[in-house]
mmCIF file of all heavy atoms, coordinates in Angstrom:
data_MODEL
# 
_entry.id   MODEL 
# 
loop_
_atom_site.group_PDB 
_atom_site.id 
_atom_site.type_symbol 
_atom_site.label_atom_id 
_atom_site.label_alt_id 
_atom_site.label_comp_id 
_atom_site.label_asym_id 
_atom_site.label_entity_id 
_atom_site.label_seq_id 
_atom_site.pdbx_PDB_ins_code 
_atom_site.Cartn_x 
_atom_site.Cartn_y 
_atom_site.Cartn_z 
_atom_site.occupancy 
_atom_site.B_iso_or_equiv 
_atom_site.pdbx_formal_charge 
_atom_site.auth_seq_id 
_atom_site.auth_comp_id 
_atom_site.auth_asym_id 
_atom_site.auth_atom_id 
_atom_site.pdbx_PDB_model_num 
ATOM 1   N N   . VAL A 1 1  ? -10.779 -24.939 5.069   1.00 0.00 ? 1  VAL A N   1 
ATOM 2   C CA  . VAL A 1 1  ? -10.590 -23.947 4.023   1.00 0.00 ? 1  VAL A CA  1 
ATOM 3   C C   . VAL A 1 1  ? -11.935 -23.398 3.581   1.00 0.00 ? 1  VAL A C   1 
ATOM 4   O O   . VAL A 1 1  ? -12.834 -24.147 3.201   1.00 0.00 ? 1  VAL A O   1 
ATOM 5   C CB  . VAL A 1 1  ? -9.839  -24.550 2.811   1.00 0.00 ? 1  VAL A CB  1 
ATOM 6   C CG1 . VAL A 1 1  ? -9.745  -23.548 1.679   1.00 0.00 ? 1  VAL A CG1 1 
ATOM 7   C CG2 . VAL A 1 1  ? -8.460  -25.009 3.247   1.00 0.00 ? 1  VAL A CG2 1 
ATOM 8   N N   . LYS A 1 2  ? -12.063 -22.085 3.663   1.00 0.00 ? 2  LYS A N   1 
ATOM 9   C CA  . LYS A 1 2  ? -13.282 -21.405 3.239   1.00 0.00 ? 2  LYS A CA  1 
ATOM 10  C C   . LYS A 1 2  ? -13.166 -20.976 1.779   1.00 0.00 ? 2  LYS A C   1 
ATOM 11  O O   . LYS A 1 2  ? -14.049 -21.209 0.976   1.00 0.00 ? 2  LYS A O   1 
ATOM 12  C CB  . LYS A 1 2  ? -13.503 -20.194 4.145   1.00 0.00 ? 2  LYS A CB  1 
ATOM 13  C CG  . LYS A 1 2  ? -14.869 -19.656 4.190   1.00 0.00 ? 2  LYS A CG  1 
ATOM 14  C CD  . LYS A 1 2  ? -14.978 -18.635 5.310   1.00 0.00 ? 2  LYS A CD  1 
ATOM 15  C CE  . LYS A 1 2  ? -16.322 -17.971 5.305   1.00 0.00 ? 2  LYS A CE  1 
ATOM 16  N NZ  . LYS A 1 2  ? -16.414 -16.937 6.325   1.00 0.00 ? 2  LYS A NZ  1 
ATOM 17  N N   . LYS A 1 3  ? -12.041 -20.309 1.442   1.00 0.00 ? 3  LYS A N   1 
ATOM 18  C CA  . LYS A 1 3  ? -11.775 -19.931 0.061   1.00 0.00 ? 3  LYS A CA  1 
ATOM 19  C C   . LYS A 1 3  ? -10.331 -19.499 -0.094  1.00 0.00 ? 3  LYS A C   1 
ATOM 20  O O   . LYS A 1 3  ? -9.640  -19.214 0.883   1.00 0.00 ? 3  LYS A O   1 
ATOM 21  C CB  . LYS A 1 3  ? -12.719 -18.836 -0.409  1.00 0.00 ? 3  LYS A CB  1 
ATOM 22  C CG  . LYS A 1 3  ? -12.515 -17.488 0.221   1.00 0.00 ? 3  LYS A CG  1 
ATOM 23  C CD  . LYS A 1 3  ? -13.490 -16.484 -0.397  1.00 0.00 ? 3  LYS A CD  1 
ATOM 24  C CE  . LYS A 1 3  ? -13.388 -15.138 0.257   1.00 0.00 ? 3  LYS A CE  1 
ATOM 25  N NZ  . LYS A 1 3  ? -14.211 -14.158 -0.400  1.00 0.00 ? 3  LYS A NZ  1 
ATOM 26  N N   . LEU A 1 4  ? -9.904  -19.456 -1.330  1.00 0.00 ? 4  LEU A N   1 
ATOM 27  C CA  . LEU A 1 4  ? -8.569  -18.969 -1.654  1.00 0.00 ? 4  LEU A CA  1 
ATOM 28  C C   . LEU A 1 4  ? -8.714  -17.518 -2.112  1.00 0.00 ? 4  LEU A C   1 
ATOM 29  O O   . LEU A 1 4  ? -9.642  -17.181 -2.838  1.00 0.00 ? 4  LEU A O   1 
ATOM 30  C CB  . LEU A 1 4  ? -7.947  -19.812 -2.757  1.00 0.00 ? 4  LEU A CB  1 
ATOM 31  C CG  . LEU A 1 4  ? -7.827  -21.320 -2.476  1.00 0.00 ? 4  LEU A CG  1 
ATOM 32  C CD1 . LEU A 1 4  ? -7.141  -22.023 -3.632  1.00 0.00 ? 4  LEU A CD1 1 
ATOM 33  C CD2 . LEU A 1 4  ? -7.070  -21.563 -1.188  1.00 0.00 ? 4  LEU A CD2 1 
ATOM 34  N N   . LYS A 1 5  ? -7.788  -16.667 -1.665  1.00 0.00 ? 5  LYS A N   1 
ATOM 35  C CA  . LYS A 1 5  ? -7.845  -15.250 -2.000  1.00 0.00 ? 5  LYS A CA  1 
ATOM 36  C C   . LYS A 1 5  ? -6.578  -14.844 -2.735  1.00 0.00 ? 5  LYS A C   1 
ATOM 37  O O   . LYS A 1 5  ? -5.497  -15.348 -2.451  1.00 0.00 ? 5  LYS A O   1 
ATOM 38  C CB  . LYS A 1 5  ? -7.944  -14.393 -0.725  1.00 0.00 ? 5  LYS A CB  1 
ATOM 39  C CG  . LYS A 1 5  ? -9.172  -14.606 0.087   1.00 0.00 ? 5  LYS A CG  1 
ATOM 40  C CD  . LYS A 1 5  ? -10.243 -13.588 -0.055  1.00 0.00 ? 5  LYS A CD  1 
ATOM 41  C CE  . LYS A 1 5  ? -9.756  -12.168 -0.094  1.00 0.00 ? 5  LYS A CE  1 
ATOM 42  N NZ  . LYS A 1 5  ? -10.778 -11.195 -0.345  1.00 0.00 ? 5  LYS A NZ  1 
ATOM 43  N N   . ALA A 1 6  ? -6.759  -13.913 -3.660  1.00 0.00 ? 6  ALA A N   1 
ATOM 44  C CA  . ALA A 1 6  ? -5.613  -13.325 -4.354  1.00 0.00 ? 6  ALA A CA  1 
ATOM 45  C C   . ALA A 1 6  ? -5.809  -11.817 -4.364  1.00 0.00 ? 6  ALA A C   1 
ATOM 46  O O   . ALA A 1 6  ? -6.914  -11.341 -4.616  1.00 0.00 ? 6  ALA A O   1 
ATOM 47  C CB  . ALA A 1 6  ? -5.520  -13.853 -5.775  1.00 0.00 ? 6  ALA A CB  1 
ATOM 48  N N   . ARG A 1 7  ? -4.765  -11.088 -4.077  1.00 0.00 ? 7  ARG A N   1 
ATOM 49  C CA  . ARG A 1 7  ? -4.835  -9.629  -4.093  1.00 0.00 ? 7  ARG A CA  1 
ATOM 50  C C   . ARG A 1 7  ? -3.682  -9.117  -4.947  1.00 0.00 ? 7  ARG A C   1 
ATOM 51  O O   . ARG A 1 7  ? -2.540  -9.552  -4.783  1.00 0.00 ? 7  ARG A O   1 
ATOM 52  C CB  . ARG A 1 7  ? -4.718  -9.078  -2.677  1.00 0.00 ? 7  ARG A CB  1 
ATOM 53  C CG  . ARG A 1 7  ? -4.642  -7.574  -2.654  1.00 0.00 ? 7  ARG A CG  1 
ATOM 54  C CD  . ARG A 1 7  ? -5.239  -6.926  -1.467  1.00 0.00 ? 7  ARG A CD  1 
ATOM 55  N NE  . ARG A 1 7  ? -6.679  -7.121  -1.445  1.00 0.00 ? 7  ARG A NE  1 
ATOM 56  C CZ  . ARG A 1 7  ? -7.376  -7.347  -0.344  1.00 0.00 ? 7  ARG A CZ  1 
ATOM 57  N NH1 . ARG A 1 7  ? -6.767  -7.433  0.813   1.00 0.00 ? 7  ARG A NH1 1 
ATOM 58  N NH2 . ARG A 1 7  ? -8.656  -7.486  -0.380  1.00 0.00 ? 7  ARG A NH2 1 
ATOM 59  N N   . LEU A 1 8  ? -4.003  -8.195  -5.869  1.00 0.00 ? 8  LEU A N   1 
ATOM 60  C CA  . LEU A 1 8  ? -2.971  -7.571  -6.688  1.00 0.00 ? 8  LEU A CA  1 
ATOM 61  C C   . LEU A 1 8  ? -2.456  -6.342  -5.944  1.00 0.00 ? 8  LEU A C   1 
ATOM 62  O O   . LEU A 1 8  ? -3.238  -5.451  -5.607  1.00 0.00 ? 8  LEU A O   1 
ATOM 63  C CB  . LEU A 1 8  ? -3.530  -7.178  -8.058  1.00 0.00 ? 8  LEU A CB  1 
ATOM 64  C CG  . LEU A 1 8  ? -2.518  -6.592  -9.037  1.00 0.00 ? 8  LEU A CG  1 
ATOM 65  C CD1 . LEU A 1 8  ? -1.434  -7.619  -9.377  1.00 0.00 ? 8  LEU A CD1 1 
ATOM 66  C CD2 . LEU A 1 8  ? -3.211  -6.118  -10.300 1.00 0.00 ? 8  LEU A CD2 1 
ATOM 67  N N   . CYS A 1 9  ? -1.173  -6.313  -5.677  1.00 0.00 ? 9  CYS A N   1 
ATOM 68  C CA  . CYS A 1 9  ? -0.573  -5.223  -4.889  1.00 0.00 ? 9  CYS A CA  1 
ATOM 69  C C   . CYS A 1 9  ? 0.549   -4.557  -5.661  1.00 0.00 ? 9  CYS A C   1 
ATOM 70  O O   . CYS A 1 9  ? 1.346   -5.230  -6.322  1.00 0.00 ? 9  CYS A O   1 
ATOM 71  C CB  . CYS A 1 9  ? 0.018   -5.769  -3.589  1.00 0.00 ? 9  CYS A CB  1 
ATOM 72  S SG  . CYS A 1 9  ? -1.197  -6.505  -2.503  1.00 0.00 ? 9  CYS A SG  1 
ATOM 73  N N   . VAL A 1 10 ? 0.607   -3.240  -5.541  1.00 0.00 ? 10 VAL A N   1 
ATOM 74  C CA  . VAL A 1 10 ? 1.754   -2.507  -6.060  1.00 0.00 ? 10 VAL A CA  1 
ATOM 75  C C   . VAL A 1 10 ? 2.932   -2.791  -5.145  1.00 0.00 ? 10 VAL A C   1 
ATOM 76  O O   . VAL A 1 10 ? 2.762   -2.917  -3.932  1.00 0.00 ? 10 VAL A O   1 
ATOM 77  C CB  . VAL A 1 10 ? 1.435   -0.985  -6.086  1.00 0.00 ? 10 VAL A CB  1 
ATOM 78  C CG1 . VAL A 1 10 ? 2.703   -0.159  -6.288  1.00 0.00 ? 10 VAL A CG1 1 
ATOM 79  C CG2 . VAL A 1 10 ? 0.420   -0.669  -7.154  1.00 0.00 ? 10 VAL A CG2 1 
ATOM 80  N N   . ARG A 1 11 ? 4.088   -2.877  -5.718  1.00 0.00 ? 11 ARG A N   1 
ATOM 81  C CA  . ARG A 1 11 ? 5.289   -3.062  -4.915  1.00 0.00 ? 11 ARG A CA  1 
ATOM 82  C C   . ARG A 1 11 ? 5.777   -1.654  -4.555  1.00 0.00 ? 11 ARG A C   1 
ATOM 83  O O   . ARG A 1 11 ? 6.454   -0.998  -5.335  1.00 0.00 ? 11 ARG A O   1 
ATOM 84  C CB  . ARG A 1 11 ? 6.317   -3.856  -5.702  1.00 0.00 ? 11 ARG A CB  1 
ATOM 85  C CG  . ARG A 1 11 ? 5.763   -5.262  -6.007  1.00 0.00 ? 11 ARG A CG  1 
ATOM 86  C CD  . ARG A 1 11 ? 6.586   -6.006  -6.983  1.00 0.00 ? 11 ARG A CD  1 
ATOM 87  N NE  . ARG A 1 11 ? 7.705   -6.574  -6.278  1.00 0.00 ? 11 ARG A NE  1 
ATOM 88  C CZ  . ARG A 1 11 ? 8.810   -7.008  -6.890  1.00 0.00 ? 11 ARG A CZ  1 
ATOM 89  N NH1 . ARG A 1 11 ? 8.947   -6.880  -8.187  1.00 0.00 ? 11 ARG A NH1 1 
ATOM 90  N NH2 . ARG A 1 11 ? 9.772   -7.541  -6.179  1.00 0.00 ? 11 ARG A NH2 1 
ATOM 91  N N   . GLY A 1 12 ? 5.352   -1.192  -3.369  1.00 0.00 ? 12 GLY A N   1 
ATOM 92  C CA  . GLY A 1 12 ? 5.541   0.199   -2.955  1.00 0.00 ? 12 GLY A CA  1 
ATOM 93  C C   . GLY A 1 12 ? 6.971   0.681   -3.020  1.00 0.00 ? 12 GLY A C   1 
ATOM 94  O O   . GLY A 1 12 ? 7.216   1.872   -3.211  1.00 0.00 ? 12 GLY A O   1 
ATOM 95  N N   . PHE A 1 13 ? 7.929   -0.215  -2.886  1.00 0.00 ? 13 PHE A N   1 
ATOM 96  C CA  . PHE A 1 13 ? 9.325   0.214   -2.925  1.00 0.00 ? 13 PHE A CA  1 
ATOM 97  C C   . PHE A 1 13 ? 9.723   0.688   -4.324  1.00 0.00 ? 13 PHE A C   1 
ATOM 98  O O   . PHE A 1 13 ? 10.793  1.277   -4.483  1.00 0.00 ? 13 PHE A O   1 
ATOM 99  C CB  . PHE A 1 13 ? 10.255  -0.896  -2.432  1.00 0.00 ? 13 PHE A CB  1 
ATOM 100 C CG  . PHE A 1 13 ? 10.250  -2.144  -3.263  1.00 0.00 ? 13 PHE A CG  1 
ATOM 101 C CD1 . PHE A 1 13 ? 11.037  -2.258  -4.400  1.00 0.00 ? 13 PHE A CD1 1 
ATOM 102 C CD2 . PHE A 1 13 ? 9.441   -3.215  -2.904  1.00 0.00 ? 13 PHE A CD2 1 
ATOM 103 C CE1 . PHE A 1 13 ? 11.027  -3.417  -5.166  1.00 0.00 ? 13 PHE A CE1 1 
ATOM 104 C CE2 . PHE A 1 13 ? 9.422   -4.363  -3.650  1.00 0.00 ? 13 PHE A CE2 1 
ATOM 105 C CZ  . PHE A 1 13 ? 10.217  -4.468  -4.796  1.00 0.00 ? 13 PHE A CZ  1 
ATOM 106 N N   . THR A 1 14 ? 8.866   0.465   -5.340  1.00 0.00 ? 14 THR A N   1 
ATOM 107 C CA  . THR A 1 14 ? 9.177   0.956   -6.682  1.00 0.00 ? 14 THR A CA  1 
ATOM 108 C C   . THR A 1 14 ? 8.594   2.344   -6.931  1.00 0.00 ? 14 THR A C   1 
ATOM 109 O O   . THR A 1 14 ? 8.752   2.892   -8.017  1.00 0.00 ? 14 THR A O   1 
ATOM 110 C CB  . THR A 1 14 ? 8.681   -0.032  -7.768  1.00 0.00 ? 14 THR A CB  1 
ATOM 111 O OG1 . THR A 1 14 ? 7.258   -0.163  -7.686  1.00 0.00 ? 14 THR A OG1 1 
ATOM 112 C CG2 . THR A 1 14 ? 9.336   -1.388  -7.627  1.00 0.00 ? 14 THR A CG2 1 
ATOM 113 N N   . GLN A 1 15 ? 7.922   2.913   -5.928  1.00 0.00 ? 15 GLN A N   1 
ATOM 114 C CA  . GLN A 1 15 ? 7.412   4.270   -6.051  1.00 0.00 ? 15 GLN A CA  1 
ATOM 115 C C   . GLN A 1 15 ? 8.564   5.258   -5.853  1.00 0.00 ? 15 GLN A C   1 
ATOM 116 O O   . GLN A 1 15 ? 9.532   4.955   -5.159  1.00 0.00 ? 15 GLN A O   1 
ATOM 117 C CB  . GLN A 1 15 ? 6.323   4.555   -5.007  1.00 0.00 ? 15 GLN A CB  1 
ATOM 118 C CG  . GLN A 1 15 ? 5.015   3.880   -5.322  1.00 0.00 ? 15 GLN A CG  1 
ATOM 119 C CD  . GLN A 1 15 ? 3.933   4.285   -4.348  1.00 0.00 ? 15 GLN A CD  1 
ATOM 120 O OE1 . GLN A 1 15 ? 3.806   3.669   -3.317  1.00 0.00 ? 15 GLN A OE1 1 
ATOM 121 N NE2 . GLN A 1 15 ? 3.199   5.326   -4.684  1.00 0.00 ? 15 GLN A NE2 1 
ATOM 122 N N   . ARG A 1 16 ? 8.426   6.442   -6.467  1.00 0.00 ? 16 ARG A N   1 
ATOM 123 C CA  . ARG A 1 16 ? 9.447   7.480   -6.332  1.00 0.00 ? 16 ARG A CA  1 
ATOM 124 C C   . ARG A 1 16 ? 8.832   8.706   -5.665  1.00 0.00 ? 16 ARG A C   1 
ATOM 125 O O   . ARG A 1 16 ? 7.813   9.218   -6.125  1.00 0.00 ? 16 ARG A O   1 
ATOM 126 C CB  . ARG A 1 16 ? 10.030  7.840   -7.692  1.00 0.00 ? 16 ARG A CB  1 
ATOM 127 C CG  . ARG A 1 16 ? 10.852  6.721   -8.285  1.00 0.00 ? 16 ARG A CG  1 
ATOM 128 C CD  . ARG A 1 16 ? 11.696  7.134   -9.471  1.00 0.00 ? 16 ARG A CD  1 
ATOM 129 N NE  . ARG A 1 16 ? 11.133  8.222   -10.263 1.00 0.00 ? 16 ARG A NE  1 
ATOM 130 C CZ  . ARG A 1 16 ? 11.091  8.265   -11.582 1.00 0.00 ? 16 ARG A CZ  1 
ATOM 131 N NH1 . ARG A 1 16 ? 11.537  7.247   -12.282 1.00 0.00 ? 16 ARG A NH1 1 
ATOM 132 N NH2 . ARG A 1 16 ? 10.584  9.301   -12.207 1.00 0.00 ? 16 ARG A NH2 1 
ATOM 133 N N   . TYR A 1 17 ? 9.472   9.174   -4.605  1.00 0.00 ? 17 TYR A N   1 
ATOM 134 C CA  . TYR A 1 17 ? 8.981   10.335  -3.880  1.00 0.00 ? 17 TYR A CA  1 
ATOM 135 C C   . TYR A 1 17 ? 8.928   11.528  -4.815  1.00 0.00 ? 17 TYR A C   1 
ATOM 136 O O   . TYR A 1 17 ? 9.845   11.782  -5.588  1.00 0.00 ? 17 TYR A O   1 
ATOM 137 C CB  . TYR A 1 17 ? 9.884   10.646  -2.684  1.00 0.00 ? 17 TYR A CB  1 
ATOM 138 C CG  . TYR A 1 17 ? 9.431   11.863  -1.923  1.00 0.00 ? 17 TYR A CG  1 
ATOM 139 C CD1 . TYR A 1 17 ? 8.344   11.789  -1.062  1.00 0.00 ? 17 TYR A CD1 1 
ATOM 140 C CD2 . TYR A 1 17 ? 10.051  13.087  -2.089  1.00 0.00 ? 17 TYR A CD2 1 
ATOM 141 C CE1 . TYR A 1 17 ? 7.897   12.900  -0.364  1.00 0.00 ? 17 TYR A CE1 1 
ATOM 142 C CE2 . TYR A 1 17 ? 9.615   14.199  -1.397  1.00 0.00 ? 17 TYR A CE2 1 
ATOM 143 C CZ  . TYR A 1 17 ? 8.532   14.106  -0.536  1.00 0.00 ? 17 TYR A CZ  1 
ATOM 144 O OH  . TYR A 1 17 ? 8.090   15.207  0.136   1.00 0.00 ? 17 TYR A OH  1 
ATOM 145 N N   . GLY A 1 18 ? 7.824   12.271  -4.752  1.00 0.00 ? 18 GLY A N   1 
ATOM 146 C CA  . GLY A 1 18 ? 7.633   13.441  -5.599  1.00 0.00 ? 18 GLY A CA  1 
ATOM 147 C C   . GLY A 1 18 ? 7.086   13.107  -6.977  1.00 0.00 ? 18 GLY A C   1 
ATOM 148 O O   . GLY A 1 18 ? 6.659   14.002  -7.714  1.00 0.00 ? 18 GLY A O   1 
ATOM 149 N N   . VAL A 1 19 ? 7.103   11.833  -7.339  1.00 0.00 ? 19 VAL A N   1 
ATOM 150 C CA  . VAL A 1 19 ? 6.559   11.399  -8.629  1.00 0.00 ? 19 VAL A CA  1 
ATOM 151 C C   . VAL A 1 19 ? 5.269   10.613  -8.406  1.00 0.00 ? 19 VAL A C   1 
ATOM 152 O O   . VAL A 1 19 ? 4.222   10.974  -8.934  1.00 0.00 ? 19 VAL A O   1 
ATOM 153 C CB  . VAL A 1 19 ? 7.580   10.524  -9.416  1.00 0.00 ? 19 VAL A CB  1 
ATOM 154 C CG1 . VAL A 1 19 ? 6.983   9.999   -10.700 1.00 0.00 ? 19 VAL A CG1 1 
ATOM 155 C CG2 . VAL A 1 19 ? 8.852   11.311  -9.690  1.00 0.00 ? 19 VAL A CG2 1 
ATOM 156 N N   . ASP A 1 20 ? 5.351   9.562   -7.605  1.00 0.00 ? 20 ASP A N   1 
ATOM 157 C CA  . ASP A 1 20 ? 4.196   8.686   -7.340  1.00 0.00 ? 20 ASP A CA  1 
ATOM 158 C C   . ASP A 1 20 ? 3.542   8.954   -5.996  1.00 0.00 ? 20 ASP A C   1 
ATOM 159 O O   . ASP A 1 20 ? 2.461   8.454   -5.729  1.00 0.00 ? 20 ASP A O   1 
ATOM 160 C CB  . ASP A 1 20 ? 4.630   7.207   -7.339  1.00 0.00 ? 20 ASP A CB  1 
ATOM 161 C CG  . ASP A 1 20 ? 5.266   6.799   -8.641  1.00 0.00 ? 20 ASP A CG  1 
ATOM 162 O OD1 . ASP A 1 20 ? 4.751   7.185   -9.696  1.00 0.00 ? 20 ASP A OD1 1 
ATOM 163 O OD2 . ASP A 1 20 ? 6.282   6.101   -8.587  1.00 0.00 ? 20 ASP A OD2 1 
ATOM 164 N N   . TYR A 1 21 ? 4.213   9.679   -5.107  1.00 0.00 ? 21 TYR A N   1 
ATOM 165 C CA  . TYR A 1 21 ? 3.639   9.943   -3.782  1.00 0.00 ? 21 TYR A CA  1 
ATOM 166 C C   . TYR A 1 21 ? 4.353   11.108  -3.127  1.00 0.00 ? 21 TYR A C   1 
ATOM 167 O O   . TYR A 1 21 ? 5.458   11.479  -3.525  1.00 0.00 ? 21 TYR A O   1 
ATOM 168 C CB  . TYR A 1 21 ? 3.724   8.706   -2.888  1.00 0.00 ? 21 TYR A CB  1 
ATOM 169 C CG  . TYR A 1 21 ? 5.112   8.431   -2.360  1.00 0.00 ? 21 TYR A CG  1 
ATOM 170 C CD1 . TYR A 1 21 ? 5.479   8.847   -1.082  1.00 0.00 ? 21 TYR A CD1 1 
ATOM 171 C CD2 . TYR A 1 21 ? 6.057   7.749   -3.120  1.00 0.00 ? 21 TYR A CD2 1 
ATOM 172 C CE1 . TYR A 1 21 ? 6.748   8.585   -0.590  1.00 0.00 ? 21 TYR A CE1 1 
ATOM 173 C CE2 . TYR A 1 21 ? 7.317   7.493   -2.624  1.00 0.00 ? 21 TYR A CE2 1 
ATOM 174 C CZ  . TYR A 1 21 ? 7.661   7.914   -1.364  1.00 0.00 ? 21 TYR A CZ  1 
ATOM 175 O OH  . TYR A 1 21 ? 8.909   7.675   -0.885  1.00 0.00 ? 21 TYR A OH  1 
ATOM 176 N N   . GLU A 1 22 ? 3.685   11.678  -2.136  1.00 0.00 ? 22 GLU A N   1 
ATOM 177 C CA  . GLU A 1 22 ? 4.317   12.684  -1.280  1.00 0.00 ? 22 GLU A CA  1 
ATOM 178 C C   . GLU A 1 22 ? 3.993   12.359  0.165   1.00 0.00 ? 22 GLU A C   1 
ATOM 179 O O   . GLU A 1 22 ? 4.835   11.906  0.898   1.00 0.00 ? 22 GLU A O   1 
ATOM 180 C CB  . GLU A 1 22 ? 3.890   14.091  -1.678  1.00 0.00 ? 22 GLU A CB  1 
ATOM 181 C CG  . GLU A 1 22 ? 4.536   14.516  -2.996  1.00 0.00 ? 22 GLU A CG  1 
ATOM 182 C CD  . GLU A 1 22 ? 4.248   15.935  -3.387  1.00 0.00 ? 22 GLU A CD  1 
ATOM 183 O OE1 . GLU A 1 22 ? 3.833   16.727  -2.519  1.00 0.00 ? 22 GLU A OE1 1 
ATOM 184 O OE2 . GLU A 1 22 ? 4.447   16.248  -4.562  1.00 0.00 ? 22 GLU A OE2 1 
ATOM 185 N N   . ASP A 1 23 ? 2.732   12.536  0.564   1.00 0.00 ? 23 ASP A N   1 
ATOM 186 C CA  . ASP A 1 23 ? 2.332   12.226  1.941   1.00 0.00 ? 23 ASP A CA  1 
ATOM 187 C C   . ASP A 1 23 ? 1.991   10.754  2.077   1.00 0.00 ? 23 ASP A C   1 
ATOM 188 O O   . ASP A 1 23 ? 1.325   10.180  1.217   1.00 0.00 ? 23 ASP A O   1 
ATOM 189 C CB  . ASP A 1 23 ? 1.121   13.053  2.352   1.00 0.00 ? 23 ASP A CB  1 
ATOM 190 C CG  . ASP A 1 23 ? 1.445   14.536  2.446   1.00 0.00 ? 23 ASP A CG  1 
ATOM 191 O OD1 . ASP A 1 23 ? 2.612   14.849  2.751   1.00 0.00 ? 23 ASP A OD1 1 
ATOM 192 O OD2 . ASP A 1 23 ? 0.543   15.355  2.234   1.00 0.00 ? 23 ASP A OD2 1 
ATOM 193 N N   . THR A 1 24 ? 2.451   10.158  3.183   1.00 0.00 ? 24 THR A N   1 
ATOM 194 C CA  . THR A 1 24 ? 2.174   8.726   3.390   1.00 0.00 ? 24 THR A CA  1 
ATOM 195 C C   . THR A 1 24 ? 1.476   8.429   4.708   1.00 0.00 ? 24 THR A C   1 
ATOM 196 O O   . THR A 1 24 ? 1.097   7.296   4.957   1.00 0.00 ? 24 THR A O   1 
ATOM 197 C CB  . THR A 1 24 ? 3.485   7.920   3.369   1.00 0.00 ? 24 THR A CB  1 
ATOM 198 O OG1 . THR A 1 24 ? 4.323   8.381   4.416   1.00 0.00 ? 24 THR A OG1 1 
ATOM 199 C CG2 . THR A 1 24 ? 4.181   8.020   2.034   1.00 0.00 ? 24 THR A CG2 1 
ATOM 200 N N   . TRP A 1 25 ? 1.298   9.423   5.548   1.00 0.00 ? 25 TRP A N   1 
ATOM 201 C CA  . TRP A 1 25 ? 0.746   9.202   6.881   1.00 0.00 ? 25 TRP A CA  1 
ATOM 202 C C   . TRP A 1 25 ? -0.731  8.822   6.828   1.00 0.00 ? 25 TRP A C   1 
ATOM 203 O O   . TRP A 1 25 ? -1.448  9.192   5.904   1.00 0.00 ? 25 TRP A O   1 
ATOM 204 C CB  . TRP A 1 25 ? 0.921   10.438  7.750   1.00 0.00 ? 25 TRP A CB  1 
ATOM 205 C CG  . TRP A 1 25 ? 0.236   11.627  7.152   1.00 0.00 ? 25 TRP A CG  1 
ATOM 206 C CD1 . TRP A 1 25 ? 0.760   12.508  6.269   1.00 0.00 ? 25 TRP A CD1 1 
ATOM 207 C CD2 . TRP A 1 25 ? -1.129  12.006  7.335   1.00 0.00 ? 25 TRP A CD2 1 
ATOM 208 N NE1 . TRP A 1 25 ? -0.184  13.424  5.881   1.00 0.00 ? 25 TRP A NE1 1 
ATOM 209 C CE2 . TRP A 1 25 ? -1.361  13.149  6.529   1.00 0.00 ? 25 TRP A CE2 1 
ATOM 210 C CE3 . TRP A 1 25 ? -2.176  11.517  8.078   1.00 0.00 ? 25 TRP A CE3 1 
ATOM 211 C CZ2 . TRP A 1 25 ? -2.584  13.780  6.467   1.00 0.00 ? 25 TRP A CZ2 1 
ATOM 212 C CZ3 . TRP A 1 25 ? -3.392  12.159  8.017   1.00 0.00 ? 25 TRP A CZ3 1 
ATOM 213 C CH2 . TRP A 1 25 ? -3.584  13.282  7.220   1.00 0.00 ? 25 TRP A CH2 1 
ATOM 214 N N   . ALA A 1 26 ? -1.172  8.117   7.813   1.00 0.00 ? 26 ALA A N   1 
ATOM 215 C CA  . ALA A 1 26 ? -2.589  7.823   8.034   1.00 0.00 ? 26 ALA A CA  1 
ATOM 216 C C   . ALA A 1 26 ? -2.805  7.753   9.532   1.00 0.00 ? 26 ALA A C   1 
ATOM 217 O O   . ALA A 1 26 ? -2.045  7.090   10.231  1.00 0.00 ? 26 ALA A O   1 
ATOM 218 C CB  . ALA A 1 26 ? -3.003  6.508   7.379   1.00 0.00 ? 26 ALA A CB  1 
ATOM 219 N N   . PRO A 1 27 ? -3.797  8.466   10.048  1.00 0.00 ? 27 PRO A N   1 
ATOM 220 C CA  . PRO A 1 27 ? -3.999  8.447   11.493  1.00 0.00 ? 27 PRO A CA  1 
ATOM 221 C C   . PRO A 1 27 ? -4.441  7.063   11.978  1.00 0.00 ? 27 PRO A C   1 
ATOM 222 O O   . PRO A 1 27 ? -5.102  6.334   11.261  1.00 0.00 ? 27 PRO A O   1 
ATOM 223 C CB  . PRO A 1 27 ? -5.104  9.491   11.721  1.00 0.00 ? 27 PRO A CB  1 
ATOM 224 C CG  . PRO A 1 27 ? -5.782  9.609   10.421  1.00 0.00 ? 27 PRO A CG  1 
ATOM 225 C CD  . PRO A 1 27 ? -4.781  9.268   9.357   1.00 0.00 ? 27 PRO A CD  1 
ATOM 226 N N   . THR A 1 28 ? -4.038  6.759   13.184  1.00 0.00 ? 28 THR A N   1 
ATOM 227 C CA  . THR A 1 28 ? -4.467  5.507   13.804  1.00 0.00 ? 28 THR A CA  1 
ATOM 228 C C   . THR A 1 28 ? -5.004  5.821   15.198  1.00 0.00 ? 28 THR A C   1 
ATOM 229 O O   . THR A 1 28 ? -4.604  6.811   15.808  1.00 0.00 ? 28 THR A O   1 
ATOM 230 C CB  . THR A 1 28 ? -3.303  4.502   13.919  1.00 0.00 ? 28 THR A CB  1 
ATOM 231 O OG1 . THR A 1 28 ? -2.248  5.128   14.667  1.00 0.00 ? 28 THR A OG1 1 
ATOM 232 C CG2 . THR A 1 28 ? -2.797  4.091   12.567  1.00 0.00 ? 28 THR A CG2 1 
ATOM 233 N N   . ALA A 1 29 ? -5.890  5.003   15.664  1.00 0.00 ? 29 ALA A N   1 
ATOM 234 C CA  . ALA A 1 29 ? -6.469  5.201   17.000  1.00 0.00 ? 29 ALA A CA  1 
ATOM 235 C C   . ALA A 1 29 ? -5.732  4.333   18.010  1.00 0.00 ? 29 ALA A C   1 
ATOM 236 O O   . ALA A 1 29 ? -5.377  3.187   17.714  1.00 0.00 ? 29 ALA A O   1 
ATOM 237 C CB  . ALA A 1 29 ? -7.954  4.833   16.992  1.00 0.00 ? 29 ALA A CB  1 
ATOM 238 N N   . ARG A 1 30 ? -5.522  4.879   19.172  1.00 0.00 ? 30 ARG A N   1 
ATOM 239 C CA  . ARG A 1 30 ? -4.944  4.079   20.245  1.00 0.00 ? 30 ARG A CA  1 
ATOM 240 C C   . ARG A 1 30 ? -6.026  3.130   20.766  1.00 0.00 ? 30 ARG A C   1 
ATOM 241 O O   . ARG A 1 30 ? -7.186  3.490   20.824  1.00 0.00 ? 30 ARG A O   1 
ATOM 242 C CB  . ARG A 1 30 ? -4.451  4.972   21.381  1.00 0.00 ? 30 ARG A CB  1 
ATOM 243 C CG  . ARG A 1 30 ? -3.293  5.852   20.986  1.00 0.00 ? 30 ARG A CG  1 
ATOM 244 C CD  . ARG A 1 30 ? -2.841  6.654   22.198  1.00 0.00 ? 30 ARG A CD  1 
ATOM 245 N NE  . ARG A 1 30 ? -1.843  7.611   21.831  1.00 0.00 ? 30 ARG A NE  1 
ATOM 246 C CZ  . ARG A 1 30 ? -0.532  7.369   21.827  1.00 0.00 ? 30 ARG A CZ  1 
ATOM 247 N NH1 . ARG A 1 30 ? -0.088  6.186   22.157  1.00 0.00 ? 30 ARG A NH1 1 
ATOM 248 N NH2 . ARG A 1 30 ? 0.310   8.302   21.485  1.00 0.00 ? 30 ARG A NH2 1 
# 
């Protein structure tokens, strides 16, 4: 064990389209 990590994350399924987000794409490289 090196260390313990904690990350605070939004629960994305509680977002509403047109209110909290519109575009969701992000390019990825092959």
